[in-house]
Amino acid sequence: MEDEGTDTQLNIPEAVLLGHAMVQRVANGLGIRAFFIKGPASVVQGLRMPKTSGDVDVFVHPADLESMVGGLQERGWRERPVDLDSLTFPKHSVTVHHPEWPCCIDVHYRFPGMENAPEDSYEVMWANTEVLGLAGQGVRVPAKELGILLLALHALRSPHLLACNAELRFLAELTEREAHAPAILDLAQATGSLAAVRPFLGDLLAPNVAVEWPEASTEWRNRVLAKEPGSARLIAIAQAPWQDKPGMLFRAVFPAPEVHLSRDIYADMSLRGRLKSHRARWSRFLHSAPHIVRDLRRRRHGG
């Protein structure tokens, strides 16, 4: 008689750890330079408080993106649907999922906040990586200073969130305690992320360090401003040329199926299911509308 319950399913922490090893093997087999950001490696390095990661974040050179995604597709991974509006939501990664894995893989090819050419920024980052033992295999991860910069930029997208604010405080204390600020400054200058990282790094530098802080890009300012559901679209519509506004408004009111699937890949795309998704979408927007109006007024008055 066969034993019952022989089928096992990975839990998320197991899947994320094994996912790092699997992705590293795929990259090695294809001759792709890849390193992992955020996730459990950051906890092992002492850059984050212990927390459970829900996915695998890997960084590749932009020229290797297609090969990396293709290598994962050969192993059953499939691209997750995304909103096709790249003007409102500038893309920086490709997400793939697998029906037998409880986590996704985000393949990054650029990092928001880094304004230099993605290819140039990648070379700077790759030169500041190291090998870390994870899931029984050596995987490449950012050196501490680069890890701090990446985590800070990620948290600075949403500094109003309690979790991001707490992470920035943790990183600031670590940076000050271990005197990482000068190296982080060098990396920020080399990747064009000075403007984005200024709220974090500015107070950590010695008083005699003179820095010419550039203005943040429109993309970065929009990312930080878009705090509520729907606010990113409103910002994009407001900034778009007049001839583009009608089409953008139409797509905002009647989104393509990919918009719903980007939130839930198993969403019901029948007529009834799409109507239900539309109602939920409008409910989220109306609930957040007062906050959106407040933020837009603050932006207009430079607050």
C-alpha atoms as a PDB file:
ATOM      1  CA  MET A   1       0.000   0.000   0.000  1.00  0.00           C
ATOM      2  CA  GLU A   2       1.312   3.434  -0.898  1.00  0.00           C
ATOM      3  CA  ASP A   3       1.919   5.874   1.918  1.00  0.00           C
ATOM      4  CA  GLU A   4      -0.534   8.719   2.048  1.00  0.00           C
ATOM      5  CA  GLY A   5       0.796  12.237   2.039  1.00  0.00           C
ATOM      6  CA  THR A   6       3.973  11.445   0.121  1.00  0.00           C
ATOM      7  CA  ASP A   7       3.495  14.532  -2.044  1.00  0.00           C
ATOM      8  CA  THR A   8       5.230  17.494  -0.506  1.00  0.00           C
ATOM      9  CA  GLN A   9       5.077  21.138  -1.404  1.00  0.00           C
ATOM     10  CA  LEU A  10       7.742  23.726  -0.730  1.00  0.00           C
ATOM     11  CA  ASN A  11       6.900  26.441   1.739  1.00  0.00           C
ATOM     12  CA  ILE A  12       7.871  29.989   0.834  1.00  0.00           C
ATOM     13  CA  PRO A  13      11.130  30.269   2.863  1.00  0.00           C
ATOM     14  CA  GLU A  14      12.338  26.937   1.454  1.00  0.00           C
ATOM     15  CA  ALA A  15      11.353  27.904  -2.075  1.00  0.00           C
ATOM     16  CA  VAL A  16      13.138  31.254  -1.873  1.00  0.00           C
ATOM     17  CA  LEU A  17      16.384  29.665  -0.658  1.00  0.00           C
ATOM     18  CA  LEU A  18      16.268  26.868  -3.239  1.00  0.00           C
ATOM     19  CA  GLY A  19      15.235  29.414  -5.859  1.00  0.00           C
ATOM     20  CA  HIS A  20      18.483  31.314  -5.321  1.00  0.00           C
ATOM     21  CA  ALA A  21      20.502  28.141  -5.895  1.00  0.00           C
ATOM     22  CA  MET A  22      18.439  27.197  -8.947  1.00  0.00           C
ATOM     23  CA  VAL A  23      18.721  30.639 -10.562  1.00  0.00           C
ATOM     24  CA  GLN A  24      22.463  30.731  -9.896  1.00  0.00           C
ATOM     25  CA  ARG A  25      22.839  27.368 -11.649  1.00  0.00           C
ATOM     26  CA  VAL A  26      20.811  28.598 -14.630  1.00  0.00           C
ATOM     27  CA  ALA A  27      22.964  31.741 -14.860  1.00  0.00           C
ATOM     28  CA  ASN A  28      26.187  29.751 -14.569  1.00  0.00           C
ATOM     29  CA  GLY A  29      25.039  27.352 -17.274  1.00  0.00           C
ATOM     30  CA  LEU A  30      24.333  30.229 -19.643  1.00  0.00           C
ATOM     31  CA  GLY A  31      27.490  32.157 -18.781  1.00  0.00           C
ATOM     32  CA  ILE A  32      25.440  35.057 -17.393  1.00  0.00           C
ATOM     33  CA  ARG A  33      26.750  37.365 -14.690  1.00  0.00           C
ATOM     34  CA  ALA A  34      24.007  37.467 -12.078  1.00  0.00           C
ATOM     35  CA  PHE A  35      23.813  38.592  -8.468  1.00  0.00           C
ATOM     36  CA  PHE A  36      21.002  38.538  -5.918  1.00  0.00           C
ATOM     37  CA  ILE A  37      19.593  41.569  -4.140  1.00  0.00           C
ATOM     38  CA  LYS A  38      17.463  41.993  -1.027  1.00  0.00           C
ATOM     39  CA  GLY A  39      16.090  38.676   0.219  1.00  0.00           C
ATOM     40  CA  PRO A  40      17.704  36.240   2.694  1.00  0.00           C
ATOM     41  CA  ALA A  41      21.246  37.163   1.648  1.00  0.00           C
ATOM     42  CA  SER A  42      20.718  40.654   3.088  1.00  0.00           C
ATOM     43  CA  VAL A  43      19.680  39.122   6.400  1.00  0.00           C
ATOM     44  CA  VAL A  44      22.758  36.864   6.451  1.00  0.00           C
ATOM     45  CA  GLN A  45      24.959  39.897   5.735  1.00  0.00           C
ATOM     46  CA  GLY A  46      23.386  41.798   8.625  1.00  0.00           C
ATOM     47  CA  LEU A  47      21.813  44.435   6.365  1.00  0.00           C
ATOM     48  CA  ARG A  48      18.265  43.621   7.400  1.00  0.00           C
ATOM     49  CA  MET A  49      16.441  42.425  10.464  1.00  0.00           C
ATOM     50  CA  PRO A  50      15.256  38.814  10.134  1.00  0.00           C
ATOM     51  CA  LYS A  51      12.265  38.662   7.811  1.00  0.00           C
ATOM     52  CA  THR A  52      10.687  36.222   5.364  1.00  0.00           C
ATOM     53  CA  SER A  53      11.179  37.044   1.703  1.00  0.00           C
ATOM     54  CA  GLY A  54       8.377  36.193  -0.690  1.00  0.00           C
ATOM     55  CA  ASP A  55      10.352  36.009  -3.918  1.00  0.00           C
ATOM     56  CA  VAL A  56      13.804  35.773  -5.491  1.00  0.00           C
ATOM     57  CA  ASP A  57      15.370  38.993  -6.774  1.00  0.00           C
ATOM     58  CA  VAL A  58      18.191  38.512  -9.264  1.00  0.00           C
ATOM     59  CA  PHE A  59      20.051  41.238 -11.174  1.00  0.00           C
ATOM     60  CA  VAL A  60      21.518  40.747 -14.664  1.00  0.00           C
ATOM     61  CA  HIS A  61      23.083  42.959 -17.307  1.00  0.00           C
ATOM     62  CA  PRO A  62      20.352  44.410 -19.568  1.00  0.00           C
ATOM     63  CA  ALA A  63      21.843  42.564 -22.547  1.00  0.00           C
ATOM     64  CA  ASP A  64      21.396  39.252 -20.684  1.00  0.00           C
ATOM     65  CA  LEU A  65      17.764  39.773 -19.685  1.00  0.00           C
ATOM     66  CA  GLU A  66      16.265  37.819 -22.579  1.00  0.00           C
ATOM     67  CA  SER A  67      18.684  34.916 -22.139  1.00  0.00           C
ATOM     68  CA  MET A  68      18.074  34.749 -18.389  1.00  0.00           C
ATOM     69  CA  VAL A  69      14.298  34.761 -18.765  1.00  0.00           C
ATOM     70  CA  GLY A  70      14.575  32.211 -21.577  1.00  0.00           C
ATOM     71  CA  GLY A  71      16.675  29.908 -19.397  1.00  0.00           C
ATOM     72  CA  LEU A  72      14.032  30.025 -16.678  1.00  0.00           C
ATOM     73  CA  GLN A  73      11.239  29.441 -19.203  1.00  0.00           C
ATOM     74  CA  GLU A  74      12.978  26.243 -20.304  1.00  0.00           C
ATOM     75  CA  ARG A  75      12.495  25.039 -16.723  1.00  0.00           C
ATOM     76  CA  GLY A  76       8.779  25.762 -16.644  1.00  0.00           C
ATOM     77  CA  TRP A  77       8.764  29.370 -15.463  1.00  0.00           C
ATOM     78  CA  ARG A  78       6.420  31.777 -17.245  1.00  0.00           C
ATOM     79  CA  GLU A  79       6.303  35.555 -17.435  1.00  0.00           C
ATOM     80  CA  ARG A  80       3.730  37.097 -15.156  1.00  0.00           C
ATOM     81  CA  PRO A  81       1.240  39.430 -16.887  1.00  0.00           C
ATOM     82  CA  VAL A  82       2.060  43.108 -16.409  1.00  0.00           C
ATOM     83  CA  ASP A  83       0.350  46.401 -17.062  1.00  0.00           C
ATOM     84  CA  LEU A  84       1.309  47.331 -20.621  1.00  0.00           C
ATOM     85  CA  ASP A  85       1.430  51.045 -19.734  1.00  0.00           C
ATOM     86  CA  SER A  86       5.190  51.546 -19.470  1.00  0.00           C
ATOM     87  CA  LEU A  87       4.780  55.333 -19.359  1.00  0.00           C
ATOM     88  CA  THR A  88       2.928  55.250 -16.047  1.00  0.00           C
ATOM     89  CA  PHE A  89       4.906  52.312 -14.723  1.00  0.00           C
ATOM     90  CA  PRO A  90       8.461  52.339 -16.174  1.00  0.00           C
ATOM     91  CA  LYS A  91       9.682  48.760 -16.170  1.00  0.00           C
ATOM     92  CA  HIS A  92      12.794  47.676 -14.314  1.00  0.00           C
ATOM     93  CA  SER A  93      12.319  43.904 -14.010  1.00  0.00           C
ATOM     94  CA  VAL A  94      10.559  40.874 -15.452  1.00  0.00           C
ATOM     95  CA  THR A  95       8.638  38.611 -13.066  1.00  0.00           C
ATOM     96  CA  VAL A  96       8.248  34.897 -13.738  1.00  0.00           C
ATOM     97  CA  HIS A  97       6.158  32.329 -11.881  1.00  0.00           C
ATOM     98  CA  HIS A  98       5.862  28.537 -11.799  1.00  0.00           C
ATOM     99  CA  PRO A  99       2.759  26.508 -10.895  1.00  0.00           C
ATOM    100  CA  GLU A 100       4.793  24.237  -8.597  1.00  0.00           C
ATOM    101  CA  TRP A 101       6.694  26.981  -6.774  1.00  0.00           C
ATOM    102  CA  PRO A 102       5.071  29.239  -4.120  1.00  0.00           C
ATOM    103  CA  CYS A 103       7.379  32.172  -4.940  1.00  0.00           C
ATOM    104  CA  CYS A 104       8.116  34.303  -7.988  1.00  0.00           C
ATOM    105  CA  ILE A 105      11.438  35.318  -9.481  1.00  0.00           C
ATOM    106  CA  ASP A 106      12.060  38.976 -10.309  1.00  0.00           C
ATOM    107  CA  VAL A 107      14.767  39.388 -12.938  1.00  0.00           C
ATOM    108  CA  HIS A 108      16.049  42.972 -12.609  1.00  0.00           C
ATOM    109  CA  TYR A 109      17.907  44.784 -15.369  1.00  0.00           C
ATOM    110  CA  ARG A 110      17.886  48.298 -13.930  1.00  0.00           C
ATOM    111  CA  PHE A 111      17.187  49.838 -10.530  1.00  0.00           C
ATOM    112  CA  PRO A 112      14.858  52.811  -9.918  1.00  0.00           C
ATOM    113  CA  GLY A 113      16.797  55.766  -8.559  1.00  0.00           C
ATOM    114  CA  MET A 114      19.944  54.959 -10.537  1.00  0.00           C
ATOM    115  CA  GLU A 115      19.885  57.518 -13.345  1.00  0.00           C
ATOM    116  CA  ASN A 116      23.035  56.500 -15.223  1.00  0.00           C
ATOM    117  CA  ALA A 117      22.714  54.155 -18.188  1.00  0.00           C
ATOM    118  CA  PRO A 118      21.628  50.717 -16.876  1.00  0.00           C
ATOM    119  CA  GLU A 119      24.581  49.074 -18.610  1.00  0.00           C
ATOM    120  CA  ASP A 120      27.052  51.405 -16.902  1.00  0.00           C
ATOM    121  CA  SER A 121      25.387  51.080 -13.507  1.00  0.00           C
ATOM    122  CA  TYR A 122      25.480  47.310 -13.815  1.00  0.00           C
ATOM    123  CA  GLU A 123      29.231  47.285 -14.359  1.00  0.00           C
ATOM    124  CA  VAL A 124      29.711  49.422 -11.254  1.00  0.00           C
ATOM    125  CA  MET A 125      27.502  47.080  -9.239  1.00  0.00           C
ATOM    126  CA  TRP A 126      29.107  43.903 -10.547  1.00  0.00           C
ATOM    127  CA  ALA A 127      32.526  45.204  -9.469  1.00  0.00           C
ATOM    128  CA  ASN A 128      31.116  45.481  -5.933  1.00  0.00           C
ATOM    129  CA  THR A 129      29.765  41.970  -5.438  1.00  0.00           C
ATOM    130  CA  GLU A 130      30.991  38.988  -3.444  1.00  0.00           C
ATOM    131  CA  VAL A 131      30.194  35.297  -3.070  1.00  0.00           C
ATOM    132  CA  LEU A 132      27.986  34.139  -0.189  1.00  0.00           C
ATOM    133  CA  GLY A 133      27.061  30.583   0.798  1.00  0.00           C
ATOM    134  CA  LEU A 134      23.295  30.127   0.549  1.00  0.00           C
ATOM    135  CA  ALA A 135      21.232  26.931   0.250  1.00  0.00           C
ATOM    136  CA  GLY A 136      24.403  24.873  -0.035  1.00  0.00           C
ATOM    137  CA  GLN A 137      25.749  26.850  -2.961  1.00  0.00           C
ATOM    138  CA  GLY A 138      27.871  29.922  -3.504  1.00  0.00           C
ATOM    139  CA  VAL A 139      25.740  32.762  -4.872  1.00  0.00           C
ATOM    140  CA  ARG A 140      26.896  36.239  -5.819  1.00  0.00           C
ATOM    141  CA  VAL A 141      25.474  39.135  -3.799  1.00  0.00           C
ATOM    142  CA  PRO A 142      26.246  42.843  -3.360  1.00  0.00           C
ATOM    143  CA  ALA A 143      29.090  43.780  -1.050  1.00  0.00           C
ATOM    144  CA  LYS A 144      27.840  45.520   2.083  1.00  0.00           C
ATOM    145  CA  GLU A 145      28.085  49.106   0.826  1.00  0.00           C
ATOM    146  CA  LEU A 146      26.233  48.315  -2.407  1.00  0.00           C
ATOM    147  CA  GLY A 147      23.686  46.259  -0.478  1.00  0.00           C
ATOM    148  CA  ILE A 148      22.963  49.233   1.774  1.00  0.00           C
ATOM    149  CA  LEU A 149      22.577  51.551  -1.232  1.00  0.00           C
ATOM    150  CA  LEU A 150      20.139  49.183  -2.974  1.00  0.00           C
ATOM    151  CA  LEU A 151      18.063  48.597   0.151  1.00  0.00           C
ATOM    152  CA  ALA A 152      17.966  52.323   0.901  1.00  0.00           C
ATOM    153  CA  LEU A 153      16.835  53.176  -2.633  1.00  0.00           C
ATOM    154  CA  HIS A 154      14.145  50.512  -2.412  1.00  0.00           C
ATOM    155  CA  ALA A 155      12.856  51.847   0.912  1.00  0.00           C
ATOM    156  CA  LEU A 156      13.037  55.468  -0.272  1.00  0.00           C
ATOM    157  CA  ARG A 157      10.370  54.732  -2.892  1.00  0.00           C
ATOM    158  CA  SER A 158       7.851  54.507  -0.051  1.00  0.00           C
ATOM    159  CA  PRO A 159       9.306  56.313   2.978  1.00  0.00           C
ATOM    160  CA  HIS A 160       5.772  56.970   4.274  1.00  0.00           C
ATOM    161  CA  LEU A 161       5.322  53.254   5.009  1.00  0.00           C
ATOM    162  CA  LEU A 162       6.246  52.205   8.540  1.00  0.00           C
ATOM    163  CA  ALA A 163       8.245  49.173   7.353  1.00  0.00           C
ATOM    164  CA  CYS A 164      10.306  51.271   4.920  1.00  0.00           C
ATOM    165  CA  ASN A 165      10.882  53.966   7.506  1.00  0.00           C
ATOM    166  CA  ALA A 166      12.092  51.368  10.009  1.00  0.00           C
ATOM    167  CA  GLU A 167      14.412  49.855   7.401  1.00  0.00           C
ATOM    168  CA  LEU A 168      15.927  53.259   6.634  1.00  0.00           C
ATOM    169  CA  ARG A 169      16.603  53.835  10.332  1.00  0.00           C
ATOM    170  CA  PHE A 170      18.228  50.408  10.628  1.00  0.00           C
ATOM    171  CA  LEU A 171      20.412  51.050   7.574  1.00  0.00           C
ATOM    172  CA  ALA A 172      21.368  54.518   8.810  1.00  0.00           C
ATOM    173  CA  GLU A 173      22.509  53.139  12.171  1.00  0.00           C
ATOM    174  CA  LEU A 174      24.511  50.400  10.425  1.00  0.00           C
ATOM    175  CA  THR A 175      26.091  52.866   7.998  1.00  0.00           C
ATOM    176  CA  GLU A 176      27.130  55.200  10.802  1.00  0.00           C
ATOM    177  CA  ARG A 177      28.365  52.415  13.081  1.00  0.00           C
ATOM    178  CA  GLU A 178      30.532  50.783  10.404  1.00  0.00           C
ATOM    179  CA  ALA A 179      31.522  54.015   8.588  1.00  0.00           C
ATOM    180  CA  HIS A 180      30.143  52.977   5.202  1.00  0.00           C
ATOM    181  CA  ALA A 181      29.009  56.471   4.143  1.00  0.00           C
ATOM    182  CA  PRO A 182      32.081  57.416   2.012  1.00  0.00           C
ATOM    183  CA  ALA A 183      31.899  54.166  -0.002  1.00  0.00           C
ATOM    184  CA  ILE A 184      28.145  54.525  -0.457  1.00  0.00           C
ATOM    185  CA  LEU A 185      28.692  58.072  -1.692  1.00  0.00           C
ATOM    186  CA  ASP A 186      31.170  56.803  -4.297  1.00  0.00           C
ATOM    187  CA  LEU A 187      28.698  54.161  -5.481  1.00  0.00           C
ATOM    188  CA  ALA A 188      25.863  56.687  -5.619  1.00  0.00           C
ATOM    189  CA  GLN A 189      27.962  59.021  -7.743  1.00  0.00           C
ATOM    190  CA  ALA A 190      29.041  56.191 -10.059  1.00  0.00           C
ATOM    191  CA  THR A 191      25.468  54.993 -10.624  1.00  0.00           C
ATOM    192  CA  GLY A 192      23.730  58.373 -10.787  1.00  0.00           C
ATOM    193  CA  SER A 193      21.678  57.785  -7.647  1.00  0.00           C
ATOM    194  CA  LEU A 194      22.769  60.823  -5.644  1.00  0.00           C
ATOM    195  CA  ALA A 195      19.457  62.633  -6.006  1.00  0.00           C
ATOM    196  CA  ALA A 196      17.366  59.641  -4.966  1.00  0.00           C
ATOM    197  CA  VAL A 197      19.546  58.617  -2.015  1.00  0.00           C
ATOM    198  CA  ARG A 198      20.064  62.138  -0.632  1.00  0.00           C
ATOM    199  CA  PRO A 199      17.326  61.893   2.066  1.00  0.00           C
ATOM    200  CA  PHE A 200      19.146  58.844   3.450  1.00  0.00           C
ATOM    201  CA  LEU A 201      22.804  59.679   2.880  1.00  0.00           C
ATOM    202  CA  GLY A 202      22.880  63.441   3.337  1.00  0.00           C
ATOM    203  CA  ASP A 203      22.951  63.402   7.142  1.00  0.00           C
ATOM    204  CA  LEU A 204      25.414  60.494   7.338  1.00  0.00           C
ATOM    205  CA  LEU A 205      28.308  62.248   5.613  1.00  0.00           C
ATOM    206  CA  ALA A 206      30.954  64.173   7.493  1.00  0.00           C
ATOM    207  CA  PRO A 207      30.351  67.956   7.620  1.00  0.00           C
ATOM    208  CA  ASN A 208      33.477  68.632   5.559  1.00  0.00           C
ATOM    209  CA  VAL A 209      32.293  66.454   2.653  1.00  0.00           C
ATOM    210  CA  ALA A 210      30.992  68.727  -0.107  1.00  0.00           C
ATOM    211  CA  VAL A 211      28.487  67.127  -2.485  1.00  0.00           C
ATOM    212  CA  GLU A 212      26.702  68.669  -5.450  1.00  0.00           C
ATOM    213  CA  TRP A 213      23.286  67.089  -5.130  1.00  0.00           C
ATOM    214  CA  PRO A 214      21.481  66.918  -8.508  1.00  0.00           C
ATOM    215  CA  GLU A 215      17.744  67.243  -8.998  1.00  0.00           C
ATOM    216  CA  ALA A 216      15.767  64.015  -8.919  1.00  0.00           C
ATOM    217  CA  SER A 217      14.352  62.770 -12.219  1.00  0.00           C
ATOM    218  CA  THR A 218      10.665  63.013 -13.028  1.00  0.00           C
ATOM    219  CA  GLU A 219      10.394  59.224 -12.862  1.00  0.00           C
ATOM    220  CA  TRP A 220      11.825  59.134  -9.345  1.00  0.00           C
ATOM    221  CA  ARG A 221       9.691  62.027  -8.104  1.00  0.00           C
ATOM    222  CA  ASN A 222       6.600  60.323  -9.510  1.00  0.00           C
ATOM    223  CA  ARG A 223       7.488  57.030  -7.840  1.00  0.00           C
ATOM    224  CA  VAL A 224       7.835  58.681  -4.450  1.00  0.00           C
ATOM    225  CA  LEU A 225       4.659  60.723  -4.910  1.00  0.00           C
ATOM    226  CA  ALA A 226       2.483  57.793  -6.035  1.00  0.00           C
ATOM    227  CA  LYS A 227       1.469  56.616  -2.587  1.00  0.00           C
ATOM    228  CA  GLU A 228      -2.122  55.556  -3.244  1.00  0.00           C
ATOM    229  CA  PRO A 229      -3.875  53.210  -5.715  1.00  0.00           C
ATOM    230  CA  GLY A 230      -4.519  55.143  -8.923  1.00  0.00           C
ATOM    231  CA  SER A 231      -2.242  58.067  -8.124  1.00  0.00           C
ATOM    232  CA  ALA A 232       0.475  56.964 -10.561  1.00  0.00           C
ATOM    233  CA  ARG A 233      -2.016  57.025 -13.446  1.00  0.00           C
ATOM    234  CA  LEU A 234      -3.331  60.439 -12.479  1.00  0.00           C
ATOM    235  CA  ILE A 235       0.201  61.824 -12.348  1.00  0.00           C
ATOM    236  CA  ALA A 236       1.040  60.319 -15.739  1.00  0.00           C
ATOM    237  CA  ILE A 237      -2.148  61.697 -17.304  1.00  0.00           C
ATOM    238  CA  ALA A 238      -1.484  65.155 -15.870  1.00  0.00           C
ATOM    239  CA  GLN A 239       2.043  65.162 -17.329  1.00  0.00           C
ATOM    240  CA  ALA A 240       1.134  63.677 -20.724  1.00  0.00           C
ATOM    241  CA  PRO A 241       0.703  65.770 -23.896  1.00  0.00           C
ATOM    242  CA  TRP A 242      -2.899  66.783 -24.547  1.00  0.00           C
ATOM    243  CA  GLN A 243      -3.226  64.465 -27.535  1.00  0.00           C
ATOM    244  CA  ASP A 244      -2.347  61.452 -25.347  1.00  0.00           C
ATOM    245  CA  LYS A 245      -4.697  62.222 -22.460  1.00  0.00           C
ATOM    246  CA  PRO A 246      -7.953  60.791 -23.946  1.00  0.00           C
ATOM    247  CA  GLY A 247      -6.387  57.417 -24.682  1.00  0.00           C
ATOM    248  CA  MET A 248      -4.784  57.248 -21.252  1.00  0.00           C
ATOM    249  CA  LEU A 249      -8.085  58.121 -19.585  1.00  0.00           C
ATOM    250  CA  PHE A 250      -9.866  55.412 -21.561  1.00  0.00           C
ATOM    251  CA  ARG A 251      -7.294  52.791 -20.555  1.00  0.00           C
ATOM    252  CA  ALA A 252      -7.543  53.914 -16.927  1.00  0.00           C
ATOM    253  CA  VAL A 253     -11.328  53.487 -16.909  1.00  0.00           C
ATOM    254  CA  PHE A 254     -11.365  50.334 -19.061  1.00  0.00           C
ATOM    255  CA  PRO A 255      -8.085  48.542 -18.280  1.00  0.00           C
ATOM    256  CA  ALA A 256      -6.791  45.620 -20.322  1.00  0.00           C
ATOM    257  CA  PRO A 257      -7.009  42.121 -18.775  1.00  0.00           C
ATOM    258  CA  GLU A 258      -3.271  42.265 -18.006  1.00  0.00           C
ATOM    259  CA  VAL A 259      -3.952  44.979 -15.436  1.00  0.00           C
ATOM    260  CA  HIS A 260      -6.154  42.644 -13.384  1.00  0.00           C
ATOM    261  CA  LEU A 261      -3.860  39.657 -13.935  1.00  0.00           C
ATOM    262  CA  SER A 262      -0.863  41.671 -12.760  1.00  0.00           C
ATOM    263  CA  ARG A 263      -2.490  41.779  -9.318  1.00  0.00           C
ATOM    264  CA  ASP A 264      -3.647  38.147  -9.367  1.00  0.00           C
ATOM    265  CA  ILE A 265      -2.479  35.727 -12.057  1.00  0.00           C
ATOM    266  CA  TYR A 266      -5.457  33.504 -11.211  1.00  0.00           C
ATOM    267  CA  ALA A 267      -8.045  36.264 -11.497  1.00  0.00           C
ATOM    268  CA  ASP A 268     -11.341  35.293 -13.157  1.00  0.00           C
ATOM    269  CA  MET A 269     -11.311  36.853 -16.635  1.00  0.00           C
ATOM    270  CA  SER A 270     -14.903  35.938 -17.486  1.00  0.00           C
ATOM    271  CA  LEU A 271     -17.290  38.862 -17.989  1.00  0.00           C
ATOM    272  CA  ARG A 272     -18.595  38.437 -14.465  1.00  0.00           C
ATOM    273  CA  GLY A 273     -15.088  38.145 -13.045  1.00  0.00           C
ATOM    274  CA  ARG A 274     -13.854  41.233 -14.875  1.00  0.00           C
ATOM    275  CA  LEU A 275     -16.832  43.259 -13.666  1.00  0.00           C
ATOM    276  CA  LYS A 276     -16.032  42.162 -10.123  1.00  0.00           C
ATOM    277  CA  SER A 277     -12.397  43.208 -10.602  1.00  0.00           C
ATOM    278  CA  HIS A 278     -13.557  46.589 -11.974  1.00  0.00           C
ATOM    279  CA  ARG A 279     -15.699  47.177  -8.881  1.00  0.00           C
ATOM    280  CA  ALA A 280     -12.820  46.313  -6.566  1.00  0.00           C
ATOM    281  CA  ARG A 281     -10.509  48.575  -8.549  1.00  0.00           C
ATOM    282  CA  TRP A 282     -12.863  51.546  -8.315  1.00  0.00           C
ATOM    283  CA  SER A 283     -13.475  50.866  -4.631  1.00  0.00           C
ATOM    284  CA  ARG A 284      -9.729  51.090  -3.954  1.00  0.00           C
ATOM    285  CA  PHE A 285      -9.461  54.282  -5.970  1.00  0.00           C
ATOM    286  CA  LEU A 286     -12.429  56.024  -4.322  1.00  0.00           C
ATOM    287  CA  HIS A 287     -11.169  55.050  -0.880  1.00  0.00           C
ATOM    288  CA  SER A 288      -7.781  56.605  -1.613  1.00  0.00           C
ATOM    289  CA  ALA A 289      -9.060  59.647  -3.576  1.00  0.00           C
ATOM    290  CA  PRO A 290      -8.872  62.136  -0.641  1.00  0.00           C
ATOM    291  CA  HIS A 291      -5.253  61.158  -0.006  1.00  0.00           C
ATOM    292  CA  ILE A 292      -4.410  61.454  -3.714  1.00  0.00           C
ATOM    293  CA  VAL A 293      -5.870  64.970  -3.862  1.00  0.00           C
ATOM    294  CA  ARG A 294      -3.892  65.957  -0.771  1.00  0.00           C
ATOM    295  CA  ASP A 295      -0.627  64.637  -2.207  1.00  0.00           C
ATOM    296  CA  LEU A 296      -1.179  66.291  -5.590  1.00  0.00           C
ATOM    297  CA  ARG A 297      -1.867  69.640  -3.907  1.00  0.00           C
ATOM    298  CA  ARG A 298       1.272  69.256  -1.849  1.00  0.00           C
ATOM    299  CA  ARG A 299       3.280  68.515  -5.017  1.00  0.00           C
ATOM    300  CA  ARG A 300       1.835  71.564  -6.793  1.00  0.00           C
ATOM    301  CA  HIS A 301       2.855  73.816  -3.921  1.00  0.00           C
ATOM    302  CA  GLY A 302       6.283  72.205  -3.588  1.00  0.00           C
ATOM    303  CA  GLY A 303       5.537  70.613  -0.206  1.00  0.00           C
END
